[in-house]
Amino acid sequence: MEITVNFEFVNWWAVLGATVTSFILAGVWYAPTVFGRFGLPDGEVVNVHTDQDKNVQLIFVIAFLFHWLTAGLLAAVLGPNATITYGIVVGMLIGCFFVTTAQGISSIFDRRPIVRIFVNGGYHIVSLSIMGGIIGAFN
């Protein structure tokens, strides 16, 4: 099997749509009322949705850029003949076996609670699956 990465046929509008969708999903997924509090010590709250952090805008800009880079490379890997189903499956496999495992390794050595692996990994599995589906739909 040969894997090619070709940016020549990337539909950049589909990449933008996948980026925005995953960015919005992150806002919901990591909201304090959803998964934002899992794995944190009692009393500790992390909420980037407030302006207490002076770098909150930079955080969102960098997060959006990372989503865009991920969607762009995923589109190049999927190729011009990708379907919705193929995009979802490839996104899910990348999320499960590249992103989640890498985060899992880092988390166990950082001595983070195991639930963080599932929360963060789950986000990336869902996000990459949606990205792949959107990119496949608009090829």
C-alpha atoms as a PDB file:
ATOM      1  CA  MET A   1       0.000   0.000   0.000  1.00  0.00           C
ATOM      2  CA  GLU A   2       1.305   3.387  -0.921  1.00  0.00           C
ATOM      3  CA  ILE A   3       0.443   6.500   1.054  1.00  0.00           C
ATOM      4  CA  THR A   4       0.821   9.778  -0.755  1.00  0.00           C
ATOM      5  CA  VAL A   5       0.543  13.300   0.503  1.00  0.00           C
ATOM      6  CA  ASN A   6      -0.465  15.684  -2.261  1.00  0.00           C
ATOM      7  CA  PHE A   7      -1.609  19.235  -1.612  1.00  0.00           C
ATOM      8  CA  GLU A   8      -2.351  19.860  -5.299  1.00  0.00           C
ATOM      9  CA  PHE A   9      -5.976  18.703  -5.085  1.00  0.00           C
ATOM     10  CA  VAL A  10      -6.812  19.881  -1.564  1.00  0.00           C
ATOM     11  CA  ASN A  11     -10.165  21.624  -1.318  1.00  0.00           C
ATOM     12  CA  TRP A  12      -9.178  24.481   0.977  1.00  0.00           C
ATOM     13  CA  TRP A  13     -12.823  25.461   1.570  1.00  0.00           C
ATOM     14  CA  ALA A  14     -13.463  21.957   2.937  1.00  0.00           C
ATOM     15  CA  VAL A  15     -10.326  22.312   5.080  1.00  0.00           C
ATOM     16  CA  LEU A  16     -11.632  25.624   6.432  1.00  0.00           C
ATOM     17  CA  GLY A  17     -15.026  24.045   7.184  1.00  0.00           C
ATOM     18  CA  ALA A  18     -13.376  21.105   8.940  1.00  0.00           C
ATOM     19  CA  THR A  19     -11.174  23.519  10.900  1.00  0.00           C
ATOM     20  CA  VAL A  20     -14.055  25.667  12.098  1.00  0.00           C
ATOM     21  CA  THR A  21     -16.154  22.617  13.001  1.00  0.00           C
ATOM     22  CA  SER A  22     -13.363  21.047  15.066  1.00  0.00           C
ATOM     23  CA  PHE A  23     -12.594  24.382  16.712  1.00  0.00           C
ATOM     24  CA  ILE A  24     -16.241  24.740  17.764  1.00  0.00           C
ATOM     25  CA  LEU A  25     -16.295  21.118  18.958  1.00  0.00           C
ATOM     26  CA  ALA A  26     -13.265  21.871  21.164  1.00  0.00           C
ATOM     27  CA  GLY A  27     -15.099  24.811  22.720  1.00  0.00           C
ATOM     28  CA  VAL A  28     -18.007  22.562  23.629  1.00  0.00           C
ATOM     29  CA  TRP A  29     -15.933  19.492  24.566  1.00  0.00           C
ATOM     30  CA  TYR A  30     -13.662  21.362  26.959  1.00  0.00           C
ATOM     31  CA  ALA A  31     -16.350  23.594  28.465  1.00  0.00           C
ATOM     32  CA  PRO A  32     -16.361  23.305  32.274  1.00  0.00           C
ATOM     33  CA  THR A  33     -19.861  21.808  32.190  1.00  0.00           C
ATOM     34  CA  VAL A  34     -18.919  19.018  29.759  1.00  0.00           C
ATOM     35  CA  PHE A  35     -15.426  17.507  30.137  1.00  0.00           C
ATOM     36  CA  GLY A  36     -13.540  20.590  31.321  1.00  0.00           C
ATOM     37  CA  ARG A  37     -13.320  19.443  34.961  1.00  0.00           C
ATOM     38  CA  PHE A  38     -12.415  15.763  34.479  1.00  0.00           C
ATOM     39  CA  GLY A  39      -9.027  14.764  35.775  1.00  0.00           C
ATOM     40  CA  LEU A  40      -8.383  17.952  37.711  1.00  0.00           C
ATOM     41  CA  PRO A  41      -7.532  17.926  41.410  1.00  0.00           C
ATOM     42  CA  ASP A  42     -10.377  19.026  43.718  1.00  0.00           C
ATOM     43  CA  GLY A  43     -10.836  22.758  43.644  1.00  0.00           C
ATOM     44  CA  GLU A  44      -8.709  23.291  40.525  1.00  0.00           C
ATOM     45  CA  VAL A  45     -10.572  24.833  37.613  1.00  0.00           C
ATOM     46  CA  VAL A  46      -9.137  25.461  34.187  1.00  0.00           C
ATOM     47  CA  ASN A  47     -11.340  27.675  32.068  1.00  0.00           C
ATOM     48  CA  VAL A  48      -9.899  29.387  29.019  1.00  0.00           C
ATOM     49  CA  HIS A  49     -13.336  30.843  28.316  1.00  0.00           C
ATOM     50  CA  THR A  50     -12.686  33.676  30.776  1.00  0.00           C
ATOM     51  CA  ASP A  51     -10.485  36.671  30.206  1.00  0.00           C
ATOM     52  CA  GLN A  52      -8.534  36.112  33.443  1.00  0.00           C
ATOM     53  CA  ASP A  53      -5.710  34.756  31.331  1.00  0.00           C
ATOM     54  CA  LYS A  54      -4.047  37.580  29.405  1.00  0.00           C
ATOM     55  CA  ASN A  55      -3.015  35.126  26.680  1.00  0.00           C
ATOM     56  CA  VAL A  56      -6.506  33.730  26.037  1.00  0.00           C
ATOM     57  CA  GLN A  57      -6.667  35.264  22.562  1.00  0.00           C
ATOM     58  CA  LEU A  58      -3.279  33.817  21.670  1.00  0.00           C
ATOM     59  CA  ILE A  59      -4.430  30.405  22.921  1.00  0.00           C
ATOM     60  CA  PHE A  60      -7.431  30.492  20.584  1.00  0.00           C
ATOM     61  CA  VAL A  61      -5.383  31.718  17.605  1.00  0.00           C
ATOM     62  CA  ILE A  62      -2.797  28.962  18.067  1.00  0.00           C
ATOM     63  CA  ALA A  63      -5.508  26.338  18.605  1.00  0.00           C
ATOM     64  CA  PHE A  64      -7.235  27.443  15.383  1.00  0.00           C
ATOM     65  CA  LEU A  65      -3.921  27.301  13.516  1.00  0.00           C
ATOM     66  CA  PHE A  66      -3.256  23.767  14.799  1.00  0.00           C
ATOM     67  CA  HIS A  67      -6.753  22.677  13.738  1.00  0.00           C
ATOM     68  CA  TRP A  68      -6.132  24.157  10.274  1.00  0.00           C
ATOM     69  CA  LEU A  69      -2.756  22.417   9.924  1.00  0.00           C
ATOM     70  CA  THR A  70      -4.310  19.117  10.979  1.00  0.00           C
ATOM     71  CA  ALA A  71      -7.226  19.468   8.557  1.00  0.00           C
ATOM     72  CA  GLY A  72      -4.899  20.488   5.717  1.00  0.00           C
ATOM     73  CA  LEU A  73      -2.619  17.499   6.142  1.00  0.00           C
ATOM     74  CA  LEU A  74      -5.594  15.177   6.568  1.00  0.00           C
ATOM     75  CA  ALA A  75      -7.030  16.467   3.275  1.00  0.00           C
ATOM     76  CA  ALA A  76      -3.709  15.890   1.530  1.00  0.00           C
ATOM     77  CA  VAL A  77      -3.499  12.346   2.913  1.00  0.00           C
ATOM     78  CA  LEU A  78      -7.115  11.529   2.014  1.00  0.00           C
ATOM     79  CA  GLY A  79      -6.607  12.628  -1.570  1.00  0.00           C
ATOM     80  CA  PRO A  80      -9.050  13.876  -4.196  1.00  0.00           C
ATOM     81  CA  ASN A  81     -11.140  10.685  -4.365  1.00  0.00           C
ATOM     82  CA  ALA A  82     -11.983  10.407  -0.664  1.00  0.00           C
ATOM     83  CA  THR A  83     -15.556   9.702   0.380  1.00  0.00           C
ATOM     84  CA  ILE A  84     -17.335  10.636   3.588  1.00  0.00           C
ATOM     85  CA  THR A  85     -16.950   7.110   4.944  1.00  0.00           C
ATOM     86  CA  TYR A  86     -13.282   6.861   4.003  1.00  0.00           C
ATOM     87  CA  GLY A  87     -12.598  10.259   5.589  1.00  0.00           C
ATOM     88  CA  ILE A  88     -14.356   9.284   8.815  1.00  0.00           C
ATOM     89  CA  VAL A  89     -12.509   5.959   9.060  1.00  0.00           C
ATOM     90  CA  VAL A  90      -9.072   7.447   8.337  1.00  0.00           C
ATOM     91  CA  GLY A  91      -9.717  10.316  10.771  1.00  0.00           C
ATOM     92  CA  MET A  92     -10.824   7.872  13.450  1.00  0.00           C
ATOM     93  CA  LEU A  93      -7.778   5.646  12.940  1.00  0.00           C
ATOM     94  CA  ILE A  94      -5.401   8.610  13.115  1.00  0.00           C
ATOM     95  CA  GLY A  95      -7.173   9.864  16.241  1.00  0.00           C
ATOM     96  CA  CYS A  96      -7.070   6.453  17.921  1.00  0.00           C
ATOM     97  CA  PHE A  97      -3.668   5.151  16.960  1.00  0.00           C
ATOM     98  CA  PHE A  98      -1.520   8.237  16.512  1.00  0.00           C
ATOM     99  CA  VAL A  99      -2.901  11.078  18.591  1.00  0.00           C
ATOM    100  CA  THR A 100      -4.469   9.255  21.540  1.00  0.00           C
ATOM    101  CA  THR A 101      -1.595   6.831  21.963  1.00  0.00           C
ATOM    102  CA  ALA A 102       0.959   9.654  21.807  1.00  0.00           C
ATOM    103  CA  GLN A 103      -1.010  11.676  24.350  1.00  0.00           C
ATOM    104  CA  GLY A 104      -1.406   8.581  26.488  1.00  0.00           C
ATOM    105  CA  ILE A 105       2.335   8.006  26.595  1.00  0.00           C
ATOM    106  CA  SER A 106       2.963  11.637  27.537  1.00  0.00           C
ATOM    107  CA  SER A 107       0.210  11.581  30.148  1.00  0.00           C
ATOM    108  CA  ILE A 108       1.451   8.487  31.946  1.00  0.00           C
ATOM    109  CA  PHE A 109       4.992   9.845  32.166  1.00  0.00           C
ATOM    110  CA  ASP A 110       3.624  13.240  33.273  1.00  0.00           C
ATOM    111  CA  ARG A 111       1.639  11.329  35.917  1.00  0.00           C
ATOM    112  CA  ARG A 112      -1.633  12.827  34.720  1.00  0.00           C
ATOM    113  CA  PRO A 113      -4.913  11.175  35.710  1.00  0.00           C
ATOM    114  CA  ILE A 114      -5.916   8.388  33.305  1.00  0.00           C
ATOM    115  CA  VAL A 115      -9.247  10.095  32.670  1.00  0.00           C
ATOM    116  CA  ARG A 116      -7.398  12.886  30.847  1.00  0.00           C
ATOM    117  CA  ILE A 117      -6.216  10.373  28.253  1.00  0.00           C
ATOM    118  CA  PHE A 118      -9.810   9.416  27.556  1.00  0.00           C
ATOM    119  CA  VAL A 119     -11.137  12.982  27.548  1.00  0.00           C
ATOM    120  CA  ASN A 120      -8.373  14.380  25.340  1.00  0.00           C
ATOM    121  CA  GLY A 121      -8.082  11.275  23.181  1.00  0.00           C
ATOM    122  CA  GLY A 122     -11.842  11.106  22.777  1.00  0.00           C
ATOM    123  CA  TYR A 123     -11.891  14.689  21.574  1.00  0.00           C
ATOM    124  CA  HIS A 124      -9.254  14.018  18.920  1.00  0.00           C
ATOM    125  CA  ILE A 125     -10.929  10.814  17.740  1.00  0.00           C
ATOM    126  CA  VAL A 126     -14.251  12.618  17.290  1.00  0.00           C
ATOM    127  CA  SER A 127     -12.617  15.744  15.868  1.00  0.00           C
ATOM    128  CA  LEU A 128     -10.501  13.927  13.284  1.00  0.00           C
ATOM    129  CA  SER A 129     -13.443  11.728  12.299  1.00  0.00           C
ATOM    130  CA  ILE A 130     -15.592  14.797  11.689  1.00  0.00           C
ATOM    131  CA  MET A 131     -12.759  16.530   9.826  1.00  0.00           C
ATOM    132  CA  GLY A 132     -12.300  13.473   7.609  1.00  0.00           C
ATOM    133  CA  GLY A 133     -16.017  13.236   6.937  1.00  0.00           C
ATOM    134  CA  ILE A 134     -16.285  16.911   5.968  1.00  0.00           C
ATOM    135  CA  ILE A 135     -13.223  16.731   3.725  1.00  0.00           C
ATOM    136  CA  GLY A 136     -14.475  13.500   2.127  1.00  0.00           C
ATOM    137  CA  ALA A 137     -17.924  15.012   1.555  1.00  0.00           C
ATOM    138  CA  PHE A 138     -16.555  17.962  -0.380  1.00  0.00           C
ATOM    139  CA  ASN A 139     -13.990  16.195  -2.568  1.00  0.00           C
END
